[in-house]
N, C-alpha and C. Protein backbone atom coordinates (compact mmCIF):
# COMPACT_ATOMS: atom_id res chain seq x y z
N MET A 1 -5.50 14.66 11.55
CA MET A 1 -5.62 14.15 10.07
C MET A 1 -7.07 14.07 9.55
N VAL A 2 -7.14 14.95 8.23
CA VAL A 2 -8.54 14.97 7.74
C VAL A 2 -8.50 14.00 6.30
N LEU A 3 -10.06 13.65 6.36
CA LEU A 3 -10.04 12.73 5.47
C LEU A 3 -11.24 13.55 4.17
N THR A 4 -11.36 14.39 3.34
CA THR A 4 -11.79 14.16 1.87
C THR A 4 -12.56 13.59 0.42
N SER A 5 -12.87 14.20 -0.02
CA SER A 5 -13.47 13.55 -1.49
C SER A 5 -14.04 14.99 -2.14
N SER A 6 -13.37 15.39 -3.81
CA SER A 6 -13.96 16.06 -4.08
C SER A 6 -15.62 16.07 -4.58
N ALA A 7 -15.79 14.85 -4.58
CA ALA A 7 -16.97 14.02 -4.89
C ALA A 7 -18.56 14.12 -4.14
N PHE A 8 -18.11 14.61 -2.69
CA PHE A 8 -19.27 14.59 -1.89
C PHE A 8 -18.78 15.16 -0.04
N ARG A 9 -19.46 16.14 -0.19
CA ARG A 9 -18.61 16.47 1.02
C ARG A 9 -19.73 15.48 2.48
N GLU A 10 -18.79 16.04 3.76
CA GLU A 10 -19.25 15.13 4.64
C GLU A 10 -20.95 15.04 4.71
N GLY A 11 -21.38 14.03 5.33
CA GLY A 11 -22.84 13.64 5.11
C GLY A 11 -23.79 13.94 4.16
N ALA A 12 -22.94 14.02 3.22
CA ALA A 12 -23.70 14.47 1.61
C ALA A 12 -24.20 13.55 0.96
N VAL A 13 -24.56 13.23 -0.07
CA VAL A 13 -25.42 11.98 -0.88
C VAL A 13 -24.52 11.27 -1.46
N ILE A 14 -24.04 10.60 -1.63
CA ILE A 14 -22.63 10.47 -2.30
C ILE A 14 -23.18 9.74 -3.71
N PRO A 15 -22.81 10.47 -5.43
CA PRO A 15 -23.12 10.88 -6.86
C PRO A 15 -23.72 9.31 -6.76
N GLY A 16 -24.50 8.89 -7.49
CA GLY A 16 -24.42 7.80 -8.52
C GLY A 16 -23.54 6.76 -9.15
N LYS A 17 -22.44 7.94 -9.82
CA LYS A 17 -21.77 7.86 -10.83
C LYS A 17 -20.62 6.42 -9.65
N TYR A 18 -20.73 6.34 -8.35
CA TYR A 18 -20.01 5.37 -7.22
C TYR A 18 -20.58 4.05 -7.15
N THR A 19 -21.60 4.08 -7.30
CA THR A 19 -22.86 3.14 -6.53
C THR A 19 -22.82 1.91 -7.59
N CYS A 20 -23.89 1.29 -7.42
CA CYS A 20 -24.24 -0.45 -8.42
C CYS A 20 -25.60 0.33 -9.26
N ASP A 21 -26.01 1.70 -8.91
CA ASP A 21 -26.80 2.62 -10.04
C ASP A 21 -26.33 2.93 -10.77
N GLY A 22 -24.38 3.13 -11.08
CA GLY A 22 -23.79 4.03 -11.95
C GLY A 22 -23.01 2.88 -12.75
N GLU A 23 -21.94 3.62 -12.27
CA GLU A 23 -20.48 3.31 -12.88
C GLU A 23 -19.78 2.06 -12.27
N GLY A 24 -20.16 2.61 -10.45
CA GLY A 24 -19.48 2.14 -9.99
C GLY A 24 -17.74 2.07 -9.71
N VAL A 25 -17.48 3.36 -9.75
CA VAL A 25 -16.35 3.35 -9.76
C VAL A 25 -15.85 3.90 -8.25
N SER A 26 -14.46 4.09 -7.86
CA SER A 26 -14.21 4.44 -6.08
C SER A 26 -14.40 6.14 -6.31
N PRO A 27 -14.08 6.70 -5.29
CA PRO A 27 -14.58 7.60 -5.53
C PRO A 27 -13.09 8.65 -5.35
N PRO A 28 -12.84 9.70 -5.46
CA PRO A 28 -11.39 10.35 -5.53
C PRO A 28 -11.83 10.48 -3.83
N LEU A 29 -10.43 10.11 -3.07
CA LEU A 29 -10.29 10.32 -1.95
C LEU A 29 -8.58 11.20 -1.49
N ALA A 30 -8.73 12.32 -0.70
CA ALA A 30 -7.47 12.63 -0.37
C ALA A 30 -7.38 12.81 1.11
N TRP A 31 -6.43 13.07 1.52
CA TRP A 31 -5.90 13.35 3.31
C TRP A 31 -4.61 14.05 3.38
N THR A 32 -4.96 15.03 4.74
CA THR A 32 -3.68 15.81 4.93
C THR A 32 -3.80 16.15 6.58
N GLN A 33 -2.77 16.55 6.96
CA GLN A 33 -2.14 16.40 8.44
C GLN A 33 -2.17 15.10 9.48
N VAL A 34 -1.47 14.80 8.07
CA VAL A 34 -0.76 13.35 8.43
C VAL A 34 0.35 13.27 9.54
N PRO A 35 -0.02 12.96 10.53
CA PRO A 35 0.64 12.69 11.77
C PRO A 35 2.13 12.56 11.57
N SER A 36 3.26 13.18 12.33
CA SER A 36 4.05 12.52 11.89
C SER A 36 4.56 10.91 12.03
N GLY A 37 6.03 10.96 11.92
CA GLY A 37 6.34 9.04 11.97
C GLY A 37 5.03 8.20 10.98
N THR A 38 4.10 8.25 10.51
CA THR A 38 3.28 8.04 9.74
C THR A 38 4.34 6.29 8.95
N LYS A 39 4.42 5.31 8.46
CA LYS A 39 4.75 4.53 8.11
C LYS A 39 3.98 4.62 6.56
N SER A 40 2.73 4.09 7.46
CA SER A 40 1.56 3.53 5.75
C SER A 40 -0.15 3.70 6.37
N PHE A 41 -0.84 3.44 5.63
CA PHE A 41 -2.46 3.49 5.95
C PHE A 41 -2.91 2.77 5.62
N VAL A 42 -4.07 2.30 6.08
CA VAL A 42 -5.62 1.06 5.71
C VAL A 42 -6.68 2.33 5.49
N LEU A 43 -7.11 2.02 3.90
CA LEU A 43 -8.52 3.01 4.33
C LEU A 43 -9.76 1.40 3.63
N VAL A 44 -10.75 1.76 4.88
CA VAL A 44 -11.69 1.08 4.89
C VAL A 44 -12.99 1.66 4.52
N MET A 45 -14.00 1.09 3.70
CA MET A 45 -15.41 1.49 3.24
C MET A 45 -16.07 0.88 3.41
N ASP A 46 -17.15 1.22 5.02
CA ASP A 46 -18.32 -0.11 4.86
C ASP A 46 -19.26 0.79 5.25
N ASP A 47 -20.38 -0.19 5.73
CA ASP A 47 -21.90 0.37 5.38
C ASP A 47 -22.64 -0.25 6.33
N PRO A 48 -22.83 0.65 7.38
CA PRO A 48 -22.71 -0.46 9.42
C PRO A 48 -24.56 -0.06 8.99
N ASP A 49 -25.56 0.55 8.34
CA ASP A 49 -26.41 0.11 8.26
C ASP A 49 -27.51 -1.17 7.58
N ALA A 50 -25.58 -1.52 6.66
CA ALA A 50 -26.71 -2.91 6.50
C ALA A 50 -27.45 -4.41 6.78
N PRO A 51 -28.37 -3.99 6.75
CA PRO A 51 -29.51 -5.37 7.54
C PRO A 51 -28.60 -6.72 7.75
N VAL A 52 -27.92 -6.93 7.55
CA VAL A 52 -27.22 -8.20 8.11
C VAL A 52 -25.99 -8.20 8.88
N GLY A 53 -25.72 -6.79 9.21
CA GLY A 53 -24.61 -6.09 9.81
C GLY A 53 -22.95 -5.46 9.42
N THR A 54 -23.06 -5.02 9.21
CA THR A 54 -21.91 -4.45 9.08
C THR A 54 -21.30 -4.61 7.82
N TRP A 55 -21.63 -3.77 7.04
CA TRP A 55 -20.96 -4.73 4.85
C TRP A 55 -19.71 -3.94 5.08
N ASP A 56 -19.16 -4.92 4.22
CA ASP A 56 -17.66 -4.38 4.04
C ASP A 56 -17.31 -3.74 2.65
N HIS A 57 -17.07 -3.03 2.03
CA HIS A 57 -17.21 -2.20 0.32
C HIS A 57 -15.77 -2.55 -0.21
N TRP A 58 -15.06 -1.45 1.25
CA TRP A 58 -13.82 -1.89 -0.59
C TRP A 58 -12.23 -1.43 1.19
N ILE A 59 -10.92 -2.26 0.61
CA ILE A 59 -10.55 -2.06 2.23
C ILE A 59 -9.54 -1.99 1.10
N VAL A 60 -8.43 -1.03 1.48
CA VAL A 60 -7.03 -0.38 1.02
C VAL A 60 -5.84 -0.69 2.22
N TYR A 61 -5.26 -1.57 1.15
CA TYR A 61 -3.80 -1.30 2.75
C TYR A 61 -2.72 -1.26 2.38
N GLY A 62 -1.82 -1.01 3.01
CA GLY A 62 -0.79 -1.46 2.21
C GLY A 62 0.24 0.24 1.48
N ILE A 63 -1.52 1.53 1.98
CA ILE A 63 -0.39 2.72 1.45
C ILE A 63 0.28 3.12 1.93
N PRO A 64 1.79 3.29 1.14
CA PRO A 64 3.08 4.00 0.98
C PRO A 64 3.00 5.19 2.19
N ASP A 65 3.83 5.37 2.95
CA ASP A 65 3.11 7.44 3.82
C ASP A 65 3.47 8.03 2.84
N SER A 66 4.08 7.87 1.37
CA SER A 66 3.77 9.16 0.07
C SER A 66 3.29 9.55 -0.23
N VAL A 67 1.79 8.71 -0.45
CA VAL A 67 0.53 8.50 -1.54
C VAL A 67 -0.25 9.70 0.29
N THR A 68 -0.62 10.54 -1.27
CA THR A 68 -1.98 11.46 0.20
C THR A 68 -3.32 11.39 -0.94
N SER A 69 -3.45 10.82 -1.57
CA SER A 69 -4.96 10.49 -2.32
C SER A 69 -4.77 9.03 -3.09
N LEU A 70 -6.12 9.10 -3.28
CA LEU A 70 -6.29 8.15 -4.58
C LEU A 70 -7.25 8.74 -5.49
N ALA A 71 -6.85 8.07 -6.29
CA ALA A 71 -8.06 8.95 -7.76
C ALA A 71 -8.91 7.96 -7.68
N GLU A 72 -10.19 8.77 -8.07
CA GLU A 72 -11.38 8.50 -8.86
C GLU A 72 -11.25 7.39 -10.09
N ALA A 73 -12.41 6.12 -9.64
CA ALA A 73 -12.03 4.92 -9.90
C ALA A 73 -10.11 4.17 -9.72
N ALA A 74 -10.02 4.72 -8.55
CA ALA A 74 -8.76 4.02 -8.42
C ALA A 74 -8.81 2.54 -8.03
N SER A 75 -9.80 1.83 -7.86
CA SER A 75 -10.10 0.46 -7.61
C SER A 75 -10.13 -0.49 -9.13
N LYS A 76 -9.89 0.36 -10.54
CA LYS A 76 -10.13 -0.59 -11.81
C LYS A 76 -8.42 -0.27 -12.04
N GLY A 77 -7.85 -0.67 -10.63
CA GLY A 77 -6.14 -0.52 -11.99
C GLY A 77 -5.06 0.12 -11.35
N THR A 78 -6.01 1.50 -10.71
CA THR A 78 -5.12 2.91 -10.44
C THR A 78 -4.53 2.97 -9.12
N LEU A 79 -4.37 1.75 -9.06
CA LEU A 79 -4.13 1.98 -7.45
C LEU A 79 -2.47 2.06 -7.05
N PRO A 80 -2.27 3.52 -5.83
CA PRO A 80 -0.38 4.15 -6.65
C PRO A 80 0.07 2.80 -6.18
N SER A 81 1.61 3.04 -5.92
CA SER A 81 2.63 1.08 -6.20
C SER A 81 2.16 0.43 -4.81
N GLY A 82 2.26 -0.57 -4.70
CA GLY A 82 2.55 -0.44 -2.64
C GLY A 82 1.22 -1.26 -2.56
N CYS A 83 -0.06 -0.53 -2.89
CA CYS A 83 -1.34 -0.31 -2.29
C CYS A 83 -2.09 -1.64 -2.59
N ARG A 84 -3.24 -2.66 -1.77
CA ARG A 84 -3.12 -3.77 -1.69
C ARG A 84 -4.86 -3.55 -1.98
N GLU A 85 -5.70 -4.86 -2.29
CA GLU A 85 -7.04 -4.49 -1.84
C GLU A 85 -6.55 -6.04 -0.60
N GLY A 86 -7.67 -5.84 0.47
CA GLY A 86 -8.38 -6.65 1.00
C GLY A 86 -9.67 -7.25 -0.06
N VAL A 87 -10.23 -8.37 0.94
CA VAL A 87 -11.72 -9.18 0.87
C VAL A 87 -12.59 -8.32 1.20
N ASN A 88 -13.86 -8.18 0.13
CA ASN A 88 -14.66 -7.19 0.92
C ASN A 88 -15.95 -8.07 1.29
N SER A 89 -17.59 -7.79 2.03
CA SER A 89 -18.14 -8.76 1.98
C SER A 89 -18.97 -9.48 0.76
N TRP A 90 -18.36 -8.88 -0.48
CA TRP A 90 -18.97 -9.58 -1.61
C TRP A 90 -18.07 -11.15 -1.71
N GLU A 91 -17.11 -11.12 -1.04
CA GLU A 91 -15.74 -12.22 -0.94
C GLU A 91 -14.97 -12.44 -2.43
N ARG A 92 -14.66 -10.23 -2.53
CA ARG A 92 -13.64 -9.86 -3.46
C ARG A 92 -13.19 -9.26 -3.25
N THR A 93 -11.88 -8.81 -3.57
CA THR A 93 -10.84 -7.53 -3.71
C THR A 93 -11.96 -6.79 -4.69
N GLY A 94 -11.38 -5.08 -3.94
CA GLY A 94 -12.30 -4.26 -4.93
C GLY A 94 -12.80 -3.22 -4.39
N TRP A 95 -13.45 -2.47 -5.06
CA TRP A 95 -14.17 -1.77 -4.17
C TRP A 95 -15.74 -2.42 -4.96
N GLY A 96 -16.91 -1.82 -4.05
CA GLY A 96 -17.89 -2.29 -3.90
C GLY A 96 -18.70 -0.80 -4.01
N GLY A 97 -19.16 -0.44 -4.65
CA GLY A 97 -20.47 0.65 -4.58
C GLY A 97 -21.49 0.98 -3.45
N PRO A 98 -22.24 1.66 -3.04
CA PRO A 98 -23.14 1.52 -2.12
C PRO A 98 -24.21 0.82 -3.24
N CYS A 99 -25.45 -0.01 -2.79
CA CYS A 99 -26.13 -0.50 -2.61
C CYS A 99 -27.23 -0.65 -2.14
N PRO A 100 -27.26 -0.53 -0.94
CA PRO A 100 -28.49 -0.49 -0.20
C PRO A 100 -29.72 -1.23 -0.32
N PRO A 101 -30.06 -1.94 -0.14
CA PRO A 101 -31.51 -2.96 -0.35
C PRO A 101 -32.78 -2.41 -0.25
N GLY A 102 -32.64 -0.99 0.75
CA GLY A 102 -33.71 -0.19 1.17
C GLY A 102 -33.41 0.95 1.89
N GLY A 103 -34.11 2.28 1.80
CA GLY A 103 -33.93 3.25 2.78
C GLY A 103 -32.42 3.46 2.97
N THR A 104 -32.27 4.79 3.27
CA THR A 104 -30.66 5.64 3.18
C THR A 104 -29.88 5.05 3.99
N HIS A 105 -28.58 4.83 3.35
CA HIS A 105 -27.33 4.10 4.88
C HIS A 105 -27.03 5.40 4.17
N ARG A 106 -25.95 4.57 5.79
CA ARG A 106 -24.52 5.75 5.58
C ARG A 106 -23.29 5.37 5.37
N TYR A 107 -22.37 5.58 4.15
CA TYR A 107 -21.02 4.92 4.12
C TYR A 107 -20.10 5.14 4.46
N GLU A 108 -19.21 4.37 5.66
CA GLU A 108 -18.27 5.40 6.19
C GLU A 108 -16.85 5.04 5.57
N PHE A 109 -16.66 5.63 5.39
CA PHE A 109 -14.63 5.69 5.18
C PHE A 109 -13.67 6.42 5.95
N ARG A 110 -12.64 5.48 6.47
CA ARG A 110 -12.13 4.95 7.65
C ARG A 110 -10.83 5.38 7.03
N LEU A 111 -9.85 6.29 7.40
CA LEU A 111 -7.83 6.28 6.91
C LEU A 111 -7.77 6.05 7.87
N TYR A 112 -6.99 4.65 8.41
CA TYR A 112 -5.79 5.00 9.72
C TYR A 112 -4.78 5.20 9.13
N ALA A 113 -4.01 5.76 9.85
CA ALA A 113 -2.13 6.65 9.72
C ALA A 113 -1.39 5.14 11.24
N LEU A 114 -0.88 4.65 10.14
CA LEU A 114 -0.28 3.74 11.25
C LEU A 114 1.69 4.48 11.22
N ASP A 115 1.95 3.56 11.96
CA ASP A 115 3.44 3.78 12.66
C ASP A 115 4.68 2.76 11.75
N SER A 116 4.20 1.82 11.51
CA SER A 116 4.83 0.45 10.48
C SER A 116 3.57 -0.25 9.07
N ALA A 117 5.03 -0.54 9.16
CA ALA A 117 3.68 -1.20 7.49
C ALA A 117 3.53 -2.53 8.61
N LEU A 118 2.11 -2.49 8.31
CA LEU A 118 1.47 -4.76 8.23
C LEU A 118 1.88 -6.16 7.51
N ALA A 119 2.13 -6.12 8.68
CA ALA A 119 2.34 -8.19 8.33
C ALA A 119 1.21 -8.77 7.90
N VAL A 120 0.32 -9.42 6.81
CA VAL A 120 -0.70 -9.39 6.77
C VAL A 120 -0.43 -10.85 5.37
N LYS A 121 -1.39 -11.30 5.88
CA LYS A 121 -1.59 -12.62 4.49
C LYS A 121 -2.40 -11.80 3.62
N ASP A 122 -1.72 -12.55 2.41
CA ASP A 122 -2.62 -12.00 1.07
C ASP A 122 -4.00 -11.63 1.19
N LYS A 123 -4.51 -10.18 0.87
CA LYS A 123 -6.25 -10.87 0.52
C LYS A 123 -6.50 -10.84 1.67
N PRO A 124 -6.39 -9.80 2.76
CA PRO A 124 -6.81 -10.43 4.31
C PRO A 124 -8.35 -9.56 4.36
N ARG A 125 -8.94 -10.16 5.55
CA ARG A 125 -10.70 -9.82 5.35
C ARG A 125 -10.54 -7.93 7.01
N LYS A 126 -11.46 -7.37 6.70
CA LYS A 126 -11.21 -6.40 7.82
C LYS A 126 -10.76 -7.24 9.27
N ALA A 127 -11.32 -8.06 9.47
CA ALA A 127 -11.18 -8.06 11.18
C ALA A 127 -9.47 -8.99 10.91
N ASP A 128 -8.78 -9.20 9.93
CA ASP A 128 -7.40 -9.85 10.17
C ASP A 128 -7.04 -8.00 9.77
N LEU A 129 -7.20 -6.76 8.75
CA LEU A 129 -6.21 -5.56 9.18
C LEU A 129 -6.39 -4.54 10.41
N GLU A 130 -7.56 -5.71 11.55
CA GLU A 130 -8.01 -4.51 12.29
C GLU A 130 -6.81 -5.42 14.03
N ARG A 131 -6.73 -6.66 13.67
CA ARG A 131 -6.07 -7.21 14.59
C ARG A 131 -4.81 -6.62 14.10
N ALA A 132 -3.95 -6.60 13.56
CA ALA A 132 -2.56 -6.01 13.01
C ALA A 132 -2.74 -5.02 13.25
N MET A 133 -2.85 -4.12 13.12
CA MET A 133 -3.42 -2.49 13.47
C MET A 133 -3.40 -2.33 15.13
N THR A 134 -3.74 -3.42 15.57
CA THR A 134 -3.69 -2.31 17.13
C THR A 134 -2.73 -2.12 17.73
N GLY A 135 -2.60 -1.22 18.08
CA GLY A 135 -1.54 -0.33 18.99
C GLY A 135 -0.26 0.21 17.74
N HIS A 136 -0.40 0.42 16.79
CA HIS A 136 0.11 1.07 15.78
C HIS A 136 -0.87 1.61 15.08
N VAL A 137 -1.78 2.64 15.39
CA VAL A 137 -2.65 3.56 15.31
C VAL A 137 -2.14 4.97 15.77
N LEU A 138 -1.83 5.71 14.51
CA LEU A 138 -1.35 7.07 14.81
C LEU A 138 -2.23 8.03 14.52
N ALA A 139 -3.57 7.59 14.26
CA ALA A 139 -4.75 8.61 13.57
C ALA A 139 -5.33 7.97 12.87
N LEU A 140 -6.98 8.64 12.89
CA LEU A 140 -7.85 7.85 12.37
C LEU A 140 -8.67 9.43 11.94
N ALA A 141 -8.84 9.08 10.31
CA ALA A 141 -10.15 10.51 9.87
C ALA A 141 -10.79 9.63 9.13
N ARG A 142 -12.20 10.44 9.08
CA ARG A 142 -13.76 9.79 9.28
C ARG A 142 -14.46 10.58 8.00
N LEU A 143 -14.22 10.10 7.33
CA LEU A 143 -15.65 10.72 5.70
C LEU A 143 -16.85 9.96 5.47
N MET A 144 -18.39 9.99 5.98
CA MET A 144 -18.83 9.48 6.26
C MET A 144 -20.40 10.31 4.43
N GLY A 145 -20.50 9.15 3.95
CA GLY A 145 -21.85 10.03 2.73
C GLY A 145 -22.61 9.16 3.11
N ARG A 146 -23.90 9.27 2.36
CA ARG A 146 -25.32 8.76 2.39
C ARG A 146 -25.49 8.33 1.26
N TYR A 147 -26.78 7.77 0.84
CA TYR A 147 -27.10 6.77 -0.42
C TYR A 147 -28.29 6.45 0.03
N LYS A 148 -29.61 6.30 -0.80
CA LYS A 148 -30.51 5.96 -1.20
C LYS A 148 -31.33 5.61 -2.47
N ARG A 149 -31.36 4.56 -3.17
CA ARG A 149 -31.49 3.80 -4.67
C ARG A 149 -32.96 4.67 -5.05
N SER A 150 -32.54 5.13 -6.18
CA SER A 150 -34.24 5.39 -6.91
C SER A 150 -34.82 4.05 -7.73
N ARG A 151 -35.56 3.64 -7.06
CA ARG A 151 -35.99 2.12 -7.95
C ARG A 151 -37.60 3.06 -8.05
């Protein structure tokens, strides 16, 4: 499975538009080469370089198997039907754009193809989804972007 964005390529700088220094909207994402048997997807975006430990920026689950992309600003009310958002490290749902306190940070988007729809509580955290996904992951696609604030 391959995860891409028309806004930035693997390892490149995430444009300011998608960060706390810009409009703060989620970037467009698309995926291909989905394995047969996929019933749903989970998307997680986090910052493994955060000084307090990995910081969860965006969690989307319940993505139907028929969906192969998320539009720009999807977190602002245009998520496809069936998609739901989990609780990020700011204790809220929705996109939280890159906003590193210092230096260049990596932002990792991970898309999981699952062999089932997950049964989880409403507004789960990443750890809840990771537990529920155990034994159900058919494929994992990654996309990493970088960002450094220009102050």
